[in-house]
């Protein structure tokens, strides 16, 4: 029914009832040449995909819903303030990851596939330095990217966490 308006469509908003790997493939269709963003909503949580910037921004309050499956094609993932926890499905196939002030990962090794990592200075759990993830205050190295060929450790690191230098 939207085909007559195809040239006017810049944003598509879908709710959680549309399967991510089927319904959200709408951004790859040839008809939607002016599509700029796809917004996926699941309750109070939202994933906004900026197709030109290849950036996904996640927003909401609380623990990210386990069944909220994200579109896998993007370069940058921004997890905004308000998202407090991620379960098993942290997307790792992105180049840059930005963790907001409230984010706490169930398993920090879930994000080892990035190239650039930024953590909010207000995050009480983590710090980032040299594209590595540390405990707050840089005492313990938690994760280094397996895409890096070298690691520059923070001068205050005292503990190299198990598996933090994998790959």
Protein backbone atom coordinates (compact mmCIF):
# COMPACT_ATOMS: atom_id res chain seq x y z
CA UNK A 1 0.00 0.00 0.00
CA UNK A 2 2.94 2.39 0.42
CA UNK A 3 4.26 1.95 -3.12
CA UNK A 4 2.59 5.14 -4.52
CA UNK A 5 4.50 7.15 -1.87
CA UNK A 6 7.84 5.41 -2.29
CA UNK A 7 9.71 8.58 -3.35
CA UNK A 8 8.52 10.41 -0.22
CA UNK A 9 9.53 7.77 2.33
CA UNK A 10 12.59 8.77 4.35
CA UNK A 11 11.88 6.95 7.64
CA UNK A 12 10.32 3.57 8.32
CA UNK A 13 9.18 2.74 11.86
CA UNK A 14 8.51 -0.90 12.72
CA UNK A 15 7.46 -2.47 16.00
CA UNK A 16 8.66 -5.69 17.62
CA UNK A 17 6.01 -7.79 15.91
CA UNK A 18 8.02 -7.73 12.65
CA UNK A 19 10.88 -10.26 12.68
CA UNK A 20 14.19 -8.42 12.37
CA UNK A 21 15.76 -10.73 9.82
CA UNK A 22 12.71 -10.57 7.57
CA UNK A 23 10.73 -7.36 7.96
CA UNK A 24 13.67 -5.07 8.66
CA UNK A 25 15.37 -5.98 5.39
CA UNK A 26 13.21 -3.17 4.02
CA UNK A 27 16.27 -0.91 4.02
CA UNK A 28 17.87 -3.04 1.31
CA UNK A 29 14.96 -2.79 -1.11
CA UNK A 30 15.62 -0.99 -4.39
CA UNK A 31 12.31 0.91 -4.32
CA UNK A 32 13.15 2.97 -1.22
CA UNK A 33 15.91 5.13 -2.70
CA UNK A 34 15.23 8.07 -0.33
CA UNK A 35 15.15 6.00 2.85
CA UNK A 36 17.37 7.64 5.47
CA UNK A 37 16.54 5.76 8.63
CA UNK A 38 14.78 2.72 10.02
CA UNK A 39 13.45 2.88 13.58
CA UNK A 40 12.77 -0.39 15.36
CA UNK A 41 10.63 -0.23 18.51
CA UNK A 42 10.17 -2.88 21.17
CA UNK A 43 8.17 -1.54 24.12
CA UNK A 44 10.11 1.39 25.57
CA UNK A 45 13.29 0.51 23.68
CA UNK A 46 14.31 1.84 20.30
CA UNK A 47 17.02 1.11 17.74
CA UNK A 48 17.52 3.86 15.19
CA UNK A 49 19.51 3.01 12.07
CA UNK A 50 20.99 5.97 10.20
CA UNK A 51 21.57 4.38 6.82
CA UNK A 52 23.85 7.11 5.42
CA UNK A 53 26.13 7.19 8.48
CA UNK A 54 25.83 3.40 8.97
CA UNK A 55 25.17 4.09 12.64
CA UNK A 56 22.84 2.31 15.03
CA UNK A 57 21.73 4.14 18.16
CA UNK A 58 20.07 2.21 20.97
CA UNK A 59 17.93 4.06 23.49
CA UNK A 60 15.59 3.26 26.33
CA UNK A 61 15.64 2.74 30.08
CA UNK A 62 16.80 -0.45 31.78
CA UNK A 63 17.96 -3.84 30.54
CA UNK A 64 17.95 -4.27 26.76
CA UNK A 65 15.28 -6.84 25.81
CA UNK A 66 16.76 -10.27 25.02
CA UNK A 67 14.49 -10.83 22.03
CA UNK A 68 15.24 -7.45 20.44
CA UNK A 69 17.33 -8.57 17.45
CA UNK A 70 19.22 -5.79 15.69
CA UNK A 71 19.87 -5.24 12.01
CA UNK A 72 23.45 -6.46 11.62
CA UNK A 73 24.65 -4.02 8.94
CA UNK A 74 26.25 -0.93 10.48
CA UNK A 75 29.65 0.57 11.23
CA UNK A 76 28.99 2.31 14.54
CA UNK A 77 26.93 1.25 17.55
CA UNK A 78 25.94 3.87 20.12
CA UNK A 79 24.41 2.53 23.33
CA UNK A 80 22.92 5.64 24.91
CA UNK A 81 22.62 6.55 28.57
CA UNK A 82 19.68 4.72 30.10
CA UNK A 83 20.52 1.25 28.76
CA UNK A 84 21.76 -0.42 31.92
CA UNK A 85 22.58 -3.94 30.84
CA UNK A 86 23.01 -6.16 27.83
CA UNK A 87 22.35 -9.85 27.87
CA UNK A 88 23.81 -12.33 25.43
CA UNK A 89 23.20 -10.48 22.20
CA UNK A 90 25.56 -7.53 22.10
CA UNK A 91 26.27 -6.92 18.41
CA UNK A 92 29.96 -7.36 17.72
CA UNK A 93 30.09 -6.84 13.98
CA UNK A 94 30.60 -3.08 14.08
CA UNK A 95 33.71 -0.96 13.77
CA UNK A 96 33.01 1.58 16.52
CA UNK A 97 31.21 1.09 19.83
CA UNK A 98 30.14 3.88 22.20
CA UNK A 99 28.99 2.82 25.67
CA UNK A 100 26.80 5.26 27.59
CA UNK A 101 27.09 6.07 31.27
CA UNK A 102 24.68 3.37 32.48
CA UNK A 103 25.84 0.38 30.41
CA UNK A 104 27.05 -2.73 32.18
CA UNK A 105 27.87 -5.78 30.08
CA UNK A 106 27.02 -9.29 31.26
CA UNK A 107 30.23 -10.47 29.62
CA UNK A 108 32.64 -7.76 28.40
CA UNK A 109 34.25 -10.17 25.91
CA UNK A 110 31.05 -9.89 23.88
CA UNK A 111 32.36 -6.68 22.29
CA UNK A 112 35.84 -7.76 21.26
CA UNK A 113 35.23 -7.30 17.52
CA UNK A 114 35.35 -3.50 17.42
CA UNK A 115 38.13 -1.24 16.12
CA UNK A 116 37.32 1.86 18.18
CA UNK A 117 35.79 1.93 21.65
CA UNK A 118 34.56 4.92 23.63
CA UNK A 119 33.08 4.75 27.13
CA UNK A 120 31.29 7.66 28.78
CA UNK A 121 33.41 9.25 31.51
CA UNK A 122 30.33 8.99 33.75
CA UNK A 123 30.12 5.19 33.41
CA UNK A 124 30.74 3.77 36.92
CA UNK A 125 31.83 0.33 35.65
CA UNK A 126 34.20 0.89 32.73
CA UNK A 127 36.87 3.11 31.25
CA UNK A 128 38.37 3.02 27.77
CA UNK A 129 41.91 3.77 26.70
CA UNK A 130 43.75 2.84 23.53
CA UNK A 131 40.59 1.11 22.28
CA UNK A 132 40.64 -1.29 25.22
CA UNK A 133 37.96 -1.78 27.85
CA UNK A 134 39.05 -1.52 31.49
CA UNK A 135 37.36 -1.54 34.85
CA UNK A 136 36.65 1.98 36.06
CA UNK A 137 39.97 3.60 36.97
CA UNK A 138 41.96 1.37 34.57
CA UNK A 139 42.96 -1.16 37.24
CA UNK A 140 42.04 -4.23 35.14
CA UNK A 141 42.11 -4.82 31.39
CA UNK A 142 38.85 -6.52 30.40
CA UNK A 143 38.87 -6.58 26.59
CA UNK A 144 41.10 -5.63 23.72
CA UNK A 145 39.87 -5.75 20.16
CA UNK A 146 40.89 -8.81 18.20
CA UNK A 147 41.09 -6.47 15.18
CA UNK A 148 44.06 -4.63 16.70
CA UNK A 149 47.59 -5.65 15.82
CA UNK A 150 49.01 -4.02 18.95
CA UNK A 151 47.72 -2.96 22.35
CA UNK A 152 48.74 0.17 24.23
CA UNK A 153 47.99 -0.46 27.89
CA UNK A 154 46.94 2.27 30.26
CA UNK A 155 49.80 3.15 32.66
CA UNK A 156 47.62 2.40 35.73
CA UNK A 157 46.68 -1.16 34.70
CA UNK A 158 47.62 -3.72 37.36
CA UNK A 159 45.70 -6.80 36.16
CA UNK A 160 45.45 -8.32 32.70
CA UNK A 161 42.06 -10.01 32.76
CA UNK A 162 41.70 -13.61 31.61
CA UNK A 163 40.92 -13.67 27.89
CA UNK A 164 41.42 -9.92 27.50
CA UNK A 165 44.19 -10.41 24.92
CA UNK A 166 42.54 -13.26 23.01
CA UNK A 167 43.08 -13.60 19.28
